Amino acid sequence: MDKHQDVKNFIKEGTGIDISKKLLAFIMNPRKLEGLNNDALKEIVIEYAPIYQRFRFMLDGPNWLASFTISLRCRIANKPELEKLLGISQ
């Protein structure tokens, strides 16, 4: 099994959510987030929010998920509407 499928299976087992190929591509390569406009970024945040809520307080876990989460949080910093969608601000 390849790494992409492993990631997809890990998220499916932990959340019951089948992620899109688009989100999977961003999880596997968080640097891609830098080139997104606000509308595309909002789509990623909306799809990732339930996954983030499930894994946000995990003390150990896959590096790729932590790396993506950190990159996404940095990318949406100072965007209160996106932070609210992700559940990190009121």
Protein backbone atom coordinates (compact mmCIF):
# COMPACT_ATOMS: atom_id res chain seq x y z
CA MET A 1 0.00 0.00 0.00
CA ASP A 2 1.30 3.47 -0.78
CA LYS A 3 1.67 6.35 1.66
CA HIS A 4 -1.32 8.26 0.26
CA GLN A 5 -3.58 5.28 0.88
CA ASP A 6 -2.15 4.85 4.38
CA VAL A 7 -2.97 8.48 5.18
CA LYS A 8 -6.46 8.17 3.75
CA ASN A 9 -7.07 4.97 5.75
CA PHE A 10 -5.74 6.53 8.98
CA ILE A 11 -8.16 9.45 8.69
CA LYS A 12 -11.05 7.17 7.69
CA GLU A 13 -10.45 4.88 10.68
CA GLY A 14 -10.07 7.77 13.13
CA THR A 15 -12.97 9.91 11.96
CA GLY A 16 -15.15 7.90 9.61
CA ILE A 17 -14.55 10.58 6.97
CA ASP A 18 -13.43 9.75 3.45
CA ILE A 19 -11.26 12.70 2.41
CA SER A 20 -11.10 14.07 -1.10
CA LYS A 21 -8.08 13.70 -3.35
CA LYS A 22 -7.65 17.47 -3.15
CA LEU A 23 -7.38 17.52 0.64
CA LEU A 24 -5.14 14.46 0.57
CA ALA A 25 -2.77 16.25 -1.81
CA PHE A 26 -2.54 19.22 0.58
CA ILE A 27 -2.01 16.99 3.60
CA MET A 28 0.82 15.21 1.81
CA ASN A 29 2.38 18.50 0.67
CA PRO A 30 1.37 21.37 3.01
CA ARG A 31 3.51 23.86 1.07
CA LYS A 32 0.78 23.87 -1.57
CA LEU A 33 -1.36 25.87 0.86
CA GLU A 34 0.79 28.93 0.20
CA GLY A 35 -0.58 29.32 -3.33
CA LEU A 36 -4.28 29.10 -2.51
CA ASN A 37 -6.64 32.02 -2.80
CA ASN A 38 -9.12 32.63 0.02
CA ASP A 39 -12.00 30.75 -1.62
CA ALA A 40 -9.93 27.61 -2.22
CA LEU A 41 -8.45 27.90 1.27
CA LYS A 42 -11.97 28.10 2.72
CA GLU A 43 -12.90 24.84 0.95
CA ILE A 44 -9.90 23.09 2.51
CA VAL A 45 -10.73 24.48 5.96
CA ILE A 46 -14.36 23.35 5.72
CA GLU A 47 -13.38 19.81 4.69
CA TYR A 48 -10.57 19.56 7.25
CA ALA A 49 -12.46 21.04 10.24
CA PRO A 50 -14.07 17.78 11.47
CA ILE A 51 -10.75 15.97 11.12
CA TYR A 52 -9.00 18.75 13.02
CA GLN A 53 -11.59 18.56 15.81
CA ARG A 54 -10.98 14.82 16.17
CA PHE A 55 -7.19 14.91 16.18
CA ARG A 56 -6.40 18.38 17.62
CA PHE A 57 -5.50 17.23 21.13
CA MET A 58 -3.65 14.09 20.09
CA LEU A 59 -0.29 14.05 21.86
CA ASP A 60 1.30 11.67 19.45
CA GLY A 61 0.42 10.96 15.91
CA PRO A 62 1.67 11.05 12.39
CA ASN A 63 4.10 13.82 11.52
CA TRP A 64 2.33 14.53 8.25
CA LEU A 65 -0.91 15.42 10.04
CA ALA A 66 0.84 17.70 12.51
CA SER A 67 2.78 19.36 9.71
CA PHE A 68 -0.36 20.00 7.69
CA THR A 69 -2.24 21.33 10.73
CA ILE A 70 0.54 23.75 11.61
CA SER A 71 0.82 24.93 8.01
CA LEU A 72 -2.93 25.42 7.75
CA ARG A 73 -3.15 27.31 11.04
CA CYS A 74 -0.31 29.60 9.95
CA ARG A 75 -1.98 30.16 6.58
CA ILE A 76 -5.32 31.15 8.12
CA ALA A 77 -3.80 33.32 10.88
CA ASN A 78 -5.46 36.74 10.90
CA LYS A 79 -8.43 35.40 8.95
CA PRO A 80 -11.07 35.22 11.70
CA GLU A 81 -13.76 33.76 9.44
CA LEU A 82 -11.52 30.80 8.55
CA GLU A 83 -10.28 30.38 12.12
CA LYS A 84 -13.89 30.21 13.23
CA LEU A 85 -14.70 27.54 10.63
CA LEU A 86 -11.77 25.47 11.88
CA GLY A 87 -12.91 25.99 15.46
CA ILE A 88 -9.91 27.84 16.83
CA SER A 89 -11.62 31.16 17.53
CA GLN A 90 -15.03 32.32 18.65
